Amino acid sequence: MPASHVMEPFAPAMEQRRFARTSIEVPVVVRGMASPRTLLRGHCLDLSEGGTGSILPGDLKPGQVVLMELILAPDHPVQVNARVRHSYHLHCGFEFLAPEQDVIDYIRTACARA
């Protein structure tokens, strides 16, 4: 077979993230923006300045916007709006939506301690 027909082995594209993720397990509470009475309690598995991967019961849909409360320290919960990026069984990925600078700073500190 001529060399021009030899195919290169498949190499998956490297996944690029804007922010490094840190493995950290902290409690998280999620409220639906459309129905604030809906309250889901779970825990965060990984965290970055841009979002989190969490385990939560319930039926969250990609694109849904929620209010997320991360309990990074017992005396200082952090609230941030987030969009559901993906949801598979109990695992959900969230993208933070325009977090305040003090929230970003607090997340950076928590990630550095982890």
PDB file of N, CA and C in Angstrom:
ATOM      1  N   MET A   1       0.851  -1.166   0.000  1.00  0.00           N
ATOM      2  CA  MET A   1       0.000   0.000   0.000  1.00  0.00           C
ATOM      3  C   MET A   1       0.897   1.229   0.000  1.00  0.00           C
ATOM      4  N   PRO A   2       0.634   2.205  -0.863  1.00  0.00           N
ATOM      5  CA  PRO A   2       1.445   3.413  -0.904  1.00  0.00           C
ATOM      6  C   PRO A   2       1.347   4.186   0.408  1.00  0.00           C
ATOM      7  N   ALA A   3       2.406   4.861   0.762  1.00  0.00           N
ATOM      8  CA  ALA A   3       2.465   5.605   2.018  1.00  0.00           C
ATOM      9  C   ALA A   3       1.398   6.690   2.086  1.00  0.00           C
ATOM     10  N   SER A   4       0.973   7.195   0.936  1.00  0.00           N
ATOM     11  CA  SER A   4      -0.014   8.261   0.956  1.00  0.00           C
ATOM     12  C   SER A   4      -1.366   7.778   1.472  1.00  0.00           C
ATOM     13  N   HIS A   5      -1.592   6.451   1.505  1.00  0.00           N
ATOM     14  CA  HIS A   5      -2.851   5.920   1.984  1.00  0.00           C
ATOM     15  C   HIS A   5      -2.806   5.485   3.448  1.00  0.00           C
ATOM     16  N   VAL A   6      -1.639   5.577   4.045  1.00  0.00           N
ATOM     17  CA  VAL A   6      -1.528   5.196   5.448  1.00  0.00           C
ATOM     18  C   VAL A   6      -2.121   6.318   6.294  1.00  0.00           C
ATOM     19  N   MET A   7      -3.050   5.949   7.133  1.00  0.00           N
ATOM     20  CA  MET A   7      -3.697   6.952   7.974  1.00  0.00           C
ATOM     21  C   MET A   7      -2.968   7.061   9.296  1.00  0.00           C
ATOM     22  N   GLU A   8      -2.890   8.259   9.802  1.00  0.00           N
ATOM     23  CA  GLU A   8      -2.276   8.462  11.107  1.00  0.00           C
ATOM     24  C   GLU A   8      -3.224   7.949  12.183  1.00  0.00           C
ATOM     25  N   PRO A   9      -2.681   7.430  13.282  1.00  0.00           N
ATOM     26  CA  PRO A   9      -3.554   6.960  14.357  1.00  0.00           C
ATOM     27  C   PRO A   9      -4.408   8.103  14.883  1.00  0.00           C
ATOM     28  N   PHE A  10      -5.587   7.741  15.339  1.00  0.00           N
ATOM     29  CA  PHE A  10      -6.514   8.731  15.883  1.00  0.00           C
ATOM     30  C   PHE A  10      -5.935   9.315  17.157  1.00  0.00           C
ATOM     31  N   ALA A  11      -5.920  10.622  17.234  1.00  0.00           N
ATOM     32  CA  ALA A  11      -5.470  11.313  18.439  1.00  0.00           C
ATOM     33  C   ALA A  11      -6.570  12.279  18.848  1.00  0.00           C
ATOM     34  N   PRO A  12      -7.260  12.001  19.950  1.00  0.00           N
ATOM     35  CA  PRO A  12      -8.339  12.901  20.351  1.00  0.00           C
ATOM     36  C   PRO A  12      -7.802  14.291  20.643  1.00  0.00           C
ATOM     37  N   ALA A  13      -8.605  15.271  20.352  1.00  0.00           N
ATOM     38  CA  ALA A  13      -8.217  16.651  20.621  1.00  0.00           C
ATOM     39  C   ALA A  13      -8.072  16.858  22.126  1.00  0.00           C
ATOM     40  N   MET A  14      -7.081  17.601  22.491  1.00  0.00           N
ATOM     41  CA  MET A  14      -6.878  17.922  23.906  1.00  0.00           C
ATOM     42  C   MET A  14      -8.002  18.853  24.354  1.00  0.00           C
ATOM     43  N   GLU A  15      -8.620  18.536  25.468  1.00  0.00           N
ATOM     44  CA  GLU A  15      -9.686  19.374  25.988  1.00  0.00           C
ATOM     45  C   GLU A  15      -9.053  20.602  26.628  1.00  0.00           C
ATOM     46  N   GLN A  16      -9.447  21.763  26.164  1.00  0.00           N
ATOM     47  CA  GLN A  16      -8.904  23.008  26.686  1.00  0.00           C
ATOM     48  C   GLN A  16      -9.897  23.624  27.659  1.00  0.00           C
ATOM     49  N   ARG A  17      -9.407  23.981  28.817  1.00  0.00           N
ATOM     50  CA  ARG A  17     -10.235  24.653  29.821  1.00  0.00           C
ATOM     51  C   ARG A  17      -9.615  26.007  30.110  1.00  0.00           C
ATOM     52  N   ARG A  18     -10.479  26.966  30.392  1.00  0.00           N
ATOM     53  CA  ARG A  18      -9.978  28.301  30.720  1.00  0.00           C
ATOM     54  C   ARG A  18      -9.366  28.343  32.114  1.00  0.00           C
ATOM     55  N   PHE A  19      -9.858  27.493  33.014  1.00  0.00           N
ATOM     56  CA  PHE A  19      -9.402  27.505  34.403  1.00  0.00           C
ATOM     57  C   PHE A  19      -9.081  26.087  34.850  1.00  0.00           C
ATOM     58  N   ALA A  20      -8.010  25.947  35.601  1.00  0.00           N
ATOM     59  CA  ALA A  20      -7.644  24.638  36.147  1.00  0.00           C
ATOM     60  C   ALA A  20      -8.657  24.226  37.207  1.00  0.00           C
ATOM     61  N   ARG A  21      -9.009  22.944  37.196  1.00  0.00           N
ATOM     62  CA  ARG A  21      -9.951  22.411  38.188  1.00  0.00           C
ATOM     63  C   ARG A  21      -9.184  21.869  39.385  1.00  0.00           C
ATOM     64  N   THR A  22      -9.786  22.001  40.552  1.00  0.00           N
ATOM     65  CA  THR A  22      -9.217  21.477  41.789  1.00  0.00           C
ATOM     66  C   THR A  22     -10.205  20.482  42.378  1.00  0.00           C
ATOM     67  N   SER A  23      -9.706  19.302  42.734  1.00  0.00           N
ATOM     68  CA  SER A  23     -10.566  18.328  43.414  1.00  0.00           C
ATOM     69  C   SER A  23     -10.822  18.844  44.821  1.00  0.00           C
ATOM     70  N   ILE A  24     -12.085  19.048  45.124  1.00  0.00           N
ATOM     71  CA  ILE A  24     -12.471  19.574  46.430  1.00  0.00           C
ATOM     72  C   ILE A  24     -13.893  19.087  46.678  1.00  0.00           C
ATOM     73  N   GLU A  25     -14.162  18.615  47.858  1.00  0.00           N
ATOM     74  CA  GLU A  25     -15.505  18.132  48.170  1.00  0.00           C
ATOM     75  C   GLU A  25     -16.097  18.998  49.269  1.00  0.00           C
ATOM     76  N   VAL A  26     -17.094  19.788  48.876  1.00  0.00           N
ATOM     77  CA  VAL A  26     -17.791  20.668  49.820  1.00  0.00           C
ATOM     78  C   VAL A  26     -19.292  20.596  49.547  1.00  0.00           C
ATOM     79  N   PRO A  27     -20.113  20.892  50.557  1.00  0.00           N
ATOM     80  CA  PRO A  27     -21.565  20.904  50.331  1.00  0.00           C
ATOM     81  C   PRO A  27     -21.967  21.989  49.339  1.00  0.00           C
ATOM     82  N   VAL A  28     -23.024  21.708  48.589  1.00  0.00           N
ATOM     83  CA  VAL A  28     -23.565  22.671  47.639  1.00  0.00           C
ATOM     84  C   VAL A  28     -25.090  22.609  47.705  1.00  0.00           C
ATOM     85  N   VAL A  29     -25.704  23.775  47.572  1.00  0.00           N
ATOM     86  CA  VAL A  29     -27.161  23.877  47.525  1.00  0.00           C
ATOM     87  C   VAL A  29     -27.504  24.612  46.235  1.00  0.00           C
ATOM     88  N   VAL A  30     -28.471  24.076  45.487  1.00  0.00           N
ATOM     89  CA  VAL A  30     -28.866  24.671  44.212  1.00  0.00           C
ATOM     90  C   VAL A  30     -30.356  24.986  44.260  1.00  0.00           C
ATOM     91  N   ARG A  31     -30.690  26.196  43.829  1.00  0.00           N
ATOM     92  CA  ARG A  31     -32.087  26.617  43.716  1.00  0.00           C
ATOM     93  C   ARG A  31     -32.366  26.959  42.261  1.00  0.00           C
ATOM     94  N   GLY A  32     -33.510  26.513  41.780  1.00  0.00           N
ATOM     95  CA  GLY A  32     -33.915  26.875  40.428  1.00  0.00           C
ATOM     96  C   GLY A  32     -34.288  28.338  40.373  1.00  0.00           C
ATOM     97  N   MET A  33     -33.883  29.047  39.322  1.00  0.00           N
ATOM     98  CA  MET A  33     -34.224  30.459  39.191  1.00  0.00           C
ATOM     99  C   MET A  33     -35.712  30.617  38.872  1.00  0.00           C
ATOM    100  N   ALA A  34     -36.256  29.702  38.084  1.00  0.00           N
ATOM    101  CA  ALA A  34     -37.671  29.773  37.715  1.00  0.00           C
ATOM    102  C   ALA A  34     -38.559  29.381  38.895  1.00  0.00           C
ATOM    103  N   SER A  35     -38.067  28.467  39.716  1.00  0.00           N
ATOM    104  CA  SER A  35     -38.841  28.039  40.887  1.00  0.00           C
ATOM    105  C   SER A  35     -37.902  28.002  42.094  1.00  0.00           C
ATOM    106  N   PRO A  36     -37.710  29.162  42.763  1.00  0.00           N
ATOM    107  CA  PRO A  36     -36.754  29.250  43.862  1.00  0.00           C
ATOM    108  C   PRO A  36     -37.053  28.340  45.045  1.00  0.00           C
ATOM    109  N   ARG A  37     -38.272  27.836  45.124  1.00  0.00           N
ATOM    110  CA  ARG A  37     -38.598  26.917  46.222  1.00  0.00           C
ATOM    111  C   ARG A  37     -37.974  25.550  46.004  1.00  0.00           C
ATOM    112  N   THR A  38     -37.621  25.252  44.751  1.00  0.00           N
ATOM    113  CA  THR A  38     -36.959  23.984  44.452  1.00  0.00           C
ATOM    114  C   THR A  38     -35.536  24.060  44.986  1.00  0.00           C
ATOM    115  N   LEU A  39     -35.216  23.168  45.898  1.00  0.00           N
ATOM    116  CA  LEU A  39     -33.929  23.185  46.578  1.00  0.00           C
ATOM    117  C   LEU A  39     -33.289  21.806  46.443  1.00  0.00           C
ATOM    118  N   LEU A  40     -32.089  21.769  45.881  1.00  0.00           N
ATOM    119  CA  LEU A  40     -31.344  20.516  45.754  1.00  0.00           C
ATOM    120  C   LEU A  40     -30.072  20.619  46.584  1.00  0.00           C
ATOM    121  N   ARG A  41     -29.833  19.603  47.401  1.00  0.00           N
ATOM    122  CA  ARG A  41     -28.612  19.566  48.216  1.00  0.00           C
ATOM    123  C   ARG A  41     -27.722  18.440  47.716  1.00  0.00           C
ATOM    124  N   GLY A  42     -26.455  18.738  47.594  1.00  0.00           N
ATOM    125  CA  GLY A  42     -25.507  17.741  47.138  1.00  0.00           C
ATOM    126  C   GLY A  42     -24.107  18.128  47.558  1.00  0.00           C
ATOM    127  N   HIS A  43     -23.126  17.715  46.755  1.00  0.00           N
ATOM    128  CA  HIS A  43     -21.759  18.116  47.055  1.00  0.00           C
ATOM    129  C   HIS A  43     -20.961  18.322  45.777  1.00  0.00           C
ATOM    130  N   CYS A  44     -20.053  19.258  45.875  1.00  0.00           N
ATOM    131  CA  CYS A  44     -19.148  19.634  44.797  1.00  0.00           C
ATOM    132  C   CYS A  44     -18.011  18.613  44.767  1.00  0.00           C
ATOM    133  N   LEU A  45     -17.611  18.194  43.554  1.00  0.00           N
ATOM    134  CA  LEU A  45     -16.483  17.268  43.404  1.00  0.00           C
ATOM    135  C   LEU A  45     -15.214  17.979  42.955  1.00  0.00           C
ATOM    136  N   ASP A  46     -15.389  18.972  42.098  1.00  0.00           N
ATOM    137  CA  ASP A  46     -14.250  19.755  41.634  1.00  0.00           C
ATOM    138  C   ASP A  46     -14.708  21.187  41.421  1.00  0.00           C
ATOM    139  N   LEU A  47     -13.749  22.103  41.485  1.00  0.00           N
ATOM    140  CA  LEU A  47     -14.075  23.515  41.475  1.00  0.00           C
ATOM    141  C   LEU A  47     -13.016  24.288  40.722  1.00  0.00           C
ATOM    142  N   SER A  48     -13.448  25.313  40.006  1.00  0.00           N
ATOM    143  CA  SER A  48     -12.533  26.260  39.367  1.00  0.00           C
ATOM    144  C   SER A  48     -13.190  27.623  39.400  1.00  0.00           C
ATOM    145  N   GLU A  49     -12.465  28.627  38.958  1.00  0.00           N
ATOM    146  CA  GLU A  49     -13.028  29.976  38.885  1.00  0.00           C
ATOM    147  C   GLU A  49     -14.202  30.030  37.912  1.00  0.00           C
ATOM    148  N   GLY A  50     -14.249  29.101  36.983  1.00  0.00           N
ATOM    149  CA  GLY A  50     -15.268  29.136  35.948  1.00  0.00           C
ATOM    150  C   GLY A  50     -16.458  28.233  36.173  1.00  0.00           C
ATOM    151  N   GLY A  51     -16.375  27.313  37.143  1.00  0.00           N
ATOM    152  CA  GLY A  51     -17.501  26.416  37.351  1.00  0.00           C
ATOM    153  C   GLY A  51     -17.167  25.278  38.284  1.00  0.00           C
ATOM    154  N   THR A  52     -18.064  24.304  38.311  1.00  0.00           N
ATOM    155  CA  THR A  52     -17.912  23.178  39.224  1.00  0.00           C
ATOM    156  C   THR A  52     -18.564  21.927  38.648  1.00  0.00           C
ATOM    157  N   GLY A  53     -18.080  20.799  39.078  1.00  0.00           N
ATOM    158  CA  GLY A  53     -18.733  19.517  38.837  1.00  0.00           C
ATOM    159  C   GLY A  53     -19.299  19.058  40.160  1.00  0.00           C
ATOM    160  N   SER A  54     -20.571  18.703  40.179  1.00  0.00           N
ATOM    161  CA  SER A  54     -21.228  18.380  41.441  1.00  0.00           C
ATOM    162  C   SER A  54     -22.119  17.154  41.312  1.00  0.00           C
ATOM    163  N   ILE A  55     -22.392  16.534  42.437  1.00  0.00           N
ATOM    164  CA  ILE A  55     -23.336  15.429  42.528  1.00  0.00           C
ATOM    165  C   ILE A  55     -24.595  15.981  43.194  1.00  0.00           C
ATOM    166  N   LEU A  56     -25.702  15.916  42.468  1.00  0.00           N
ATOM    167  CA  LEU A  56     -26.975  16.448  42.966  1.00  0.00           C
ATOM    168  C   LEU A  56     -28.119  15.557  42.529  1.00  0.00           C
ATOM    169  N   PRO A  57     -29.083  15.316  43.415  1.00  0.00           N
ATOM    170  CA  PRO A  57     -30.293  14.607  42.993  1.00  0.00           C
ATOM    171  C   PRO A  57     -31.182  15.593  42.239  1.00  0.00           C
ATOM    172  N   GLY A  58     -32.081  15.088  41.472  1.00  0.00           N
ATOM    173  CA  GLY A  58     -33.026  15.985  40.798  1.00  0.00           C
ATOM    174  C   GLY A  58     -32.854  15.953  39.294  1.00  0.00           C
ATOM    175  N   ASP A  59     -33.670  16.736  38.643  1.00  0.00           N
ATOM    176  CA  ASP A  59     -33.722  16.730  37.190  1.00  0.00           C
ATOM    177  C   ASP A  59     -33.302  18.085  36.652  1.00  0.00           C
ATOM    178  N   LEU A  60     -31.999  18.305  36.530  1.00  0.00           N
ATOM    179  CA  LEU A  60     -31.486  19.550  35.976  1.00  0.00           C
ATOM    180  C   LEU A  60     -31.240  19.366  34.484  1.00  0.00           C
ATOM    181  N   LYS A  61     -31.562  20.390  33.718  1.00  0.00           N
ATOM    182  CA  LYS A  61     -31.449  20.328  32.259  1.00  0.00           C
ATOM    183  C   LYS A  61     -30.331  21.251  31.785  1.00  0.00           C
ATOM    184  N   PRO A  62     -29.541  20.823  30.800  1.00  0.00           N
ATOM    185  CA  PRO A  62     -28.526  21.708  30.225  1.00  0.00           C
ATOM    186  C   PRO A  62     -29.158  23.022  29.761  1.00  0.00           C
ATOM    187  N   GLY A  63     -28.497  24.118  30.086  1.00  0.00           N
ATOM    188  CA  GLY A  63     -28.991  25.437  29.749  1.00  0.00           C
ATOM    189  C   GLY A  63     -29.763  26.093  30.879  1.00  0.00           C
ATOM    190  N   GLN A  64     -30.231  25.311  31.831  1.00  0.00           N
ATOM    191  CA  GLN A  64     -30.990  25.845  32.964  1.00  0.00           C
ATOM    192  C   GLN A  64     -30.079  26.723  33.816  1.00  0.00           C
ATOM    193  N   VAL A  65     -30.598  27.870  34.263  1.00  0.00           N
ATOM    194  CA  VAL A  65     -29.848  28.776  35.129  1.00  0.00           C
ATOM    195  C   VAL A  65     -30.328  28.583  36.563  1.00  0.00           C
ATOM    196  N   VAL A  66     -29.366  28.477  37.479  1.00  0.00           N
ATOM    197  CA  VAL A  66     -29.663  28.215  38.887  1.00  0.00           C
ATOM    198  C   VAL A  66     -28.870  29.171  39.769  1.00  0.00           C
ATOM    199  N   LEU A  67     -29.302  29.285  41.009  1.00  0.00           N
ATOM    200  CA  LEU A  67     -28.526  29.972  42.035  1.00  0.00           C
ATOM    201  C   LEU A  67     -27.839  28.893  42.849  1.00  0.00           C
ATOM    202  N   MET A  68     -26.531  28.957  42.905  1.00  0.00           N
ATOM    203  CA  MET A  68     -25.740  27.929  43.565  1.00  0.00           C
ATOM    204  C   MET A  68     -25.089  28.526  44.810  1.00  0.00           C
ATOM    205  N   GLU A  69     -25.160  27.761  45.900  1.00  0.00           N
ATOM    206  CA  GLU A  69     -24.498  28.167  47.131  1.00  0.00           C
ATOM    207  C   GLU A  69     -23.457  27.105  47.465  1.00  0.00           C
ATOM    208  N   LEU A  70     -22.195  27.519  47.477  1.00  0.00           N
ATOM    209  CA  LEU A  70     -21.081  26.633  47.815  1.00  0.00           C
ATOM    210  C   LEU A  70     -20.676  26.914  49.254  1.00  0.00           C
ATOM    211  N   ILE A  71     -20.608  25.880  50.051  1.00  0.00           N
ATOM    212  CA  ILE A  71     -20.233  26.031  51.461  1.00  0.00           C
ATOM    213  C   ILE A  71     -18.725  25.773  51.561  1.00  0.00           C
ATOM    214  N   LEU A  72     -17.940  26.784  51.185  1.00  0.00           N
ATOM    215  CA  LEU A  72     -16.478  26.636  51.166  1.00  0.00           C
ATOM    216  C   LEU A  72     -15.876  26.766  52.553  1.00  0.00           C
ATOM    217  N   ALA A  73     -16.595  27.395  53.447  1.00  0.00           N
ATOM    218  CA  ALA A  73     -16.213  27.482  54.860  1.00  0.00           C
ATOM    219  C   ALA A  73     -17.518  27.545  55.652  1.00  0.00           C
ATOM    220  N   PRO A  74     -17.552  26.958  56.840  1.00  0.00           N
ATOM    221  CA  PRO A  74     -18.808  26.897  57.595  1.00  0.00           C
ATOM    222  C   PRO A  74     -19.467  28.255  57.827  1.00  0.00           C
ATOM    223  N   ASP A  75     -18.664  29.295  57.984  1.00  0.00           N
ATOM    224  CA  ASP A  75     -19.215  30.603  58.301  1.00  0.00           C
ATOM    225  C   ASP A  75     -19.362  31.519  57.082  1.00  0.00           C
ATOM    226  N   HIS A  76     -19.081  31.005  55.877  1.00  0.00           N
ATOM    227  CA  HIS A  76     -19.107  31.890  54.722  1.00  0.00           C
ATOM    228  C   HIS A  76     -19.546  31.155  53.448  1.00  0.00           C
ATOM    229  N   PRO A  77     -20.851  30.919  53.285  1.00  0.00           N
ATOM    230  CA  PRO A  77     -21.302  30.325  52.020  1.00  0.00           C
ATOM    231  C   PRO A  77     -21.156  31.354  50.899  1.00  0.00           C
ATOM    232  N   VAL A  78     -20.856  30.867  49.710  1.00  0.00           N
ATOM    233  CA  VAL A  78     -20.674  31.719  48.541  1.00  0.00           C
ATOM    234  C   VAL A  78     -21.811  31.446  47.570  1.00  0.00           C
ATOM    235  N   GLN A  79     -22.492  32.509  47.127  1.00  0.00           N
ATOM    236  CA  GLN A  79     -23.583  32.348  46.165  1.00  0.00           C
ATOM    237  C   GLN A  79     -23.153  32.870  44.800  1.00  0.00           C
ATOM    238  N   VAL A  80     -23.546  32.120  43.770  1.00  0.00           N
ATOM    239  CA  VAL A  80     -23.212  32.505  42.404  1.00  0.00           C
ATOM    240  C   VAL A  80     -24.269  31.925  41.462  1.00  0.00           C
ATOM    241  N   ASN A  81     -24.622  32.681  40.442  1.00  0.00           N
ATOM    242  CA  ASN A  81     -25.503  32.158  39.406  1.00  0.00           C
ATOM    243  C   ASN A  81     -24.689  31.255  38.503  1.00  0.00           C
ATOM    244  N   ALA A  82     -25.307  30.169  38.054  1.00  0.00           N
ATOM    245  CA  ALA A  82     -24.599  29.204  37.209  1.00  0.00           C
ATOM    246  C   ALA A  82     -25.556  28.620  36.172  1.00  0.00           C
ATOM    247  N   ARG A  83     -24.985  28.188  35.071  1.00  0.00           N
ATOM    248  CA  ARG A  83     -25.741  27.509  34.016  1.00  0.00           C
ATOM    249  C   ARG A  83     -25.357  26.034  34.026  1.00  0.00           C
ATOM    250  N   VAL A  84     -26.355  25.176  33.914  1.00  0.00           N
ATOM    251  CA  VAL A  84     -26.098  23.739  33.815  1.00  0.00           C
ATOM    252  C   VAL A  84     -25.498  23.479  32.431  1.00  0.00           C
ATOM    253  N   ARG A  85     -24.280  22.968  32.395  1.00  0.00           N
ATOM    254  CA  ARG A  85     -23.610  22.644  31.124  1.00  0.00           C
ATOM    255  C   ARG A  85     -23.951  21.228  30.679  1.00  0.00           C
ATOM    256  N   HIS A  86     -23.978  20.320  31.643  1.00  0.00           N
ATOM    257  CA  HIS A  86     -24.355  18.933  31.343  1.00  0.00           C
ATOM    258  C   HIS A  86     -24.906  18.281  32.592  1.00  0.00           C
ATOM    259  N   SER A  87     -25.710  17.274  32.391  1.00  0.00           N
ATOM    260  CA  SER A  87     -26.290  16.532  33.498  1.00  0.00           C
ATOM    261  C   SER A  87     -26.422  15.077  33.065  1.00  0.00           C
ATOM    262  N   TYR A  88     -25.812  14.188  33.824  1.00  0.00           N
ATOM    263  CA  TYR A  88     -25.861  12.763  33.523  1.00  0.00           C
ATOM    264  C   TYR A  88     -26.040  12.015  34.833  1.00  0.00           C
ATOM    265  N   HIS A  89     -27.188  11.380  34.979  1.00  0.00           N
ATOM    266  CA  HIS A  89     -27.565  10.738  36.239  1.00  0.00           C
ATOM    267  C   HIS A  89     -27.470  11.779  37.350  1.00  0.00           C
ATOM    268  N   LEU A  90     -26.612  11.597  38.309  1.00  0.00           N
ATOM    269  CA  LEU A  90     -26.517  12.541  39.421  1.00  0.00           C
ATOM    270  C   LEU A  90     -25.419  13.588  39.233  1.00  0.00           C
ATOM    271  N   HIS A  91     -24.560  13.400  38.238  1.00  0.00           N
ATOM    272  CA  HIS A  91     -23.440  14.316  38.037  1.00  0.00           C
ATOM    273  C   HIS A  91     -23.847  15.478  37.144  1.00  0.00           C
ATOM    274  N   CYS A  92     -23.570  16.703  37.602  1.00  0.00           N
ATOM    275  CA  CYS A  92     -23.894  17.909  36.834  1.00  0.00           C
ATOM    276  C   CYS A  92     -22.657  18.793  36.736  1.00  0.00           C
ATOM    277  N   GLY A  93     -22.463  19.361  35.569  1.00  0.00           N
ATOM    278  CA  GLY A  93     -21.414  20.354  35.367  1.00  0.00           C
ATOM    279  C   GLY A  93     -22.053  21.724  35.282  1.00  0.00           C
ATOM    280  N   PHE A  94     -21.487  22.692  35.987  1.00  0.00           N
ATOM    281  CA  PHE A  94     -22.026  24.047  36.026  1.00  0.00           C
ATOM    282  C   PHE A  94     -20.972  25.048  35.577  1.00  0.00           C
ATOM    283  N   GLU A  95     -21.411  26.052  34.837  1.00  0.00           N
ATOM    284  CA  GLU A  95     -20.574  27.176  34.447  1.00  0.00           C
ATOM    285  C   GLU A  95     -21.057  28.392  35.226  1.00  0.00           C
ATOM    286  N   PHE A  96     -20.156  29.054  35.936  1.00  0.00           N
ATOM    287  CA  PHE A  96     -20.531  30.243  36.681  1.00  0.00           C
ATOM    288  C   PHE A  96     -20.817  31.385  35.710  1.00  0.00           C
ATOM    289  N   LEU A  97     -21.830  32.181  36.024  1.00  0.00           N
ATOM    290  CA  LEU A  97     -22.237  33.299  35.177  1.00  0.00           C
ATOM    291  C   LEU A  97     -21.853  34.615  35.842  1.00  0.00           C
ATOM    292  N   ALA A  98     -20.812  35.253  35.342  1.00  0.00           N
ATOM    293  CA  ALA A  98     -20.356  36.565  35.803  1.00  0.00           C
ATOM    294  C   ALA A  98     -20.248  36.665  37.322  1.00  0.00           C
ATOM    295  N   PRO A  99     -19.430  35.806  37.932  1.00  0.00           N
ATOM    296  CA  PRO A  99     -19.290  35.894  39.395  1.00  0.00           C
ATOM    297  C   PRO A  99     -18.619  37.210  39.804  1.00  0.00           C
ATOM    298  N   GLU A 100     -19.005  37.708  40.955  1.00  0.00           N
ATOM    299  CA  GLU A 100     -18.389  38.917  41.513  1.00  0.00           C
ATOM    300  C   GLU A 100     -16.923  38.622  41.832  1.00  0.00           C
ATOM    301  N   GLN A 101     -16.088  39.659  41.848  1.00  0.00           N
ATOM    302  CA  GLN A 101     -14.662  39.476  42.107  1.00  0.00           C
ATOM    303  C   GLN A 101     -14.404  38.866  43.484  1.00  0.00           C
ATOM    304  N   ASP A 102     -15.186  39.241  44.492  1.00  0.00           N
ATOM    305  CA  ASP A 102     -14.968  38.669  45.826  1.00  0.00           C
ATOM    306  C   ASP A 102     -15.278  37.168  45.837  1.00  0.00           C
ATOM    307  N   VAL A 103     -16.243  36.730  45.019  1.00  0.00           N
ATOM    308  CA  VAL A 103     -16.555  35.297  44.902  1.00  0.00           C
ATOM    309  C   VAL A 103     -15.387  34.571  44.238  1.00  0.00           C
ATOM    310  N   ILE A 104     -14.852  35.152  43.169  1.00  0.00           N
ATOM    311  CA  ILE A 104     -13.696  34.550  42.489  1.00  0.00           C
ATOM    312  C   ILE A 104     -12.524  34.436  43.454  1.00  0.00           C
ATOM    313  N   ASP A 105     -12.262  35.487  44.212  1.00  0.00           N
ATOM    314  CA  ASP A 105     -11.158  35.466  45.176  1.00  0.00           C
ATOM    315  C   ASP A 105     -11.359  34.374  46.220  1.00  0.00           C
ATOM    316  N   TYR A 106     -12.575  34.218  46.693  1.00  0.00           N
ATOM    317  CA  TYR A 106     -12.880  33.198  47.701  1.00  0.00           C
ATOM    318  C   TYR A 106     -12.695  31.806  47.125  1.00  0.00           C
ATOM    319  N   ILE A 107     -13.123  31.608  45.884  1.00  0.00           N
ATOM    320  CA  ILE A 107     -12.938  30.310  45.213  1.00  0.00           C
ATOM    321  C   ILE A 107     -11.452  30.029  45.030  1.00  0.00           C
ATOM    322  N   ARG A 108     -10.676  31.016  44.612  1.00  0.00           N
ATOM    323  CA  ARG A 108      -9.223  30.834  44.461  1.00  0.00           C
ATOM    324  C   ARG A 108      -8.585  30.402  45.779  1.00  0.00           C
ATOM    325  N   THR A 109      -8.991  31.053  46.860  1.00  0.00           N
ATOM    326  CA  THR A 109      -8.443  30.731  48.181  1.00  0.00           C
ATOM    327  C   THR A 109      -8.804  29.293  48.573  1.00  0.00           C
ATOM    328  N   ALA A 110     -10.043  28.913  48.360  1.00  0.00           N
ATOM    329  CA  ALA A 110     -10.482  27.546  48.705  1.00  0.00           C
ATOM    330  C   ALA A 110      -9.722  26.519  47.871  1.00  0.00           C
ATOM    331  N   CYS A 111      -9.520  26.793  46.588  1.00  0.00           N
ATOM    332  CA  CYS A 111      -8.786  25.862  45.720  1.00  0.00           C
ATOM    333  C   CYS A 111      -7.326  25.759  46.137  1.00  0.00           C
ATOM    334  N   ALA A 112      -6.736  26.872  46.540  1.00  0.00           N
ATOM    335  CA  ALA A 112      -5.333  26.856  46.973  1.00  0.00           C
ATOM    336  C   ALA A 112      -5.167  26.043  48.266  1.00  0.00           C
ATOM    337  N   ARG A 113      -6.178  26.054  49.128  1.00  0.00           N
ATOM    338  CA  ARG A 113      -6.118  25.295  50.389  1.00  0.00           C
ATOM    339  C   ARG A 113      -6.340  23.798  50.176  1.00  0.00           C
ATOM    340  N   ALA A 114      -7.025  23.436  49.102  1.00  0.00           N
ATOM    341  CA  ALA A 114      -7.394  22.029  48.883  1.00  0.00           C
ATOM    342  C   ALA A 114      -6.192  21.161  48.534  1.00  0.00           C
TER     343      ALA A 114
END
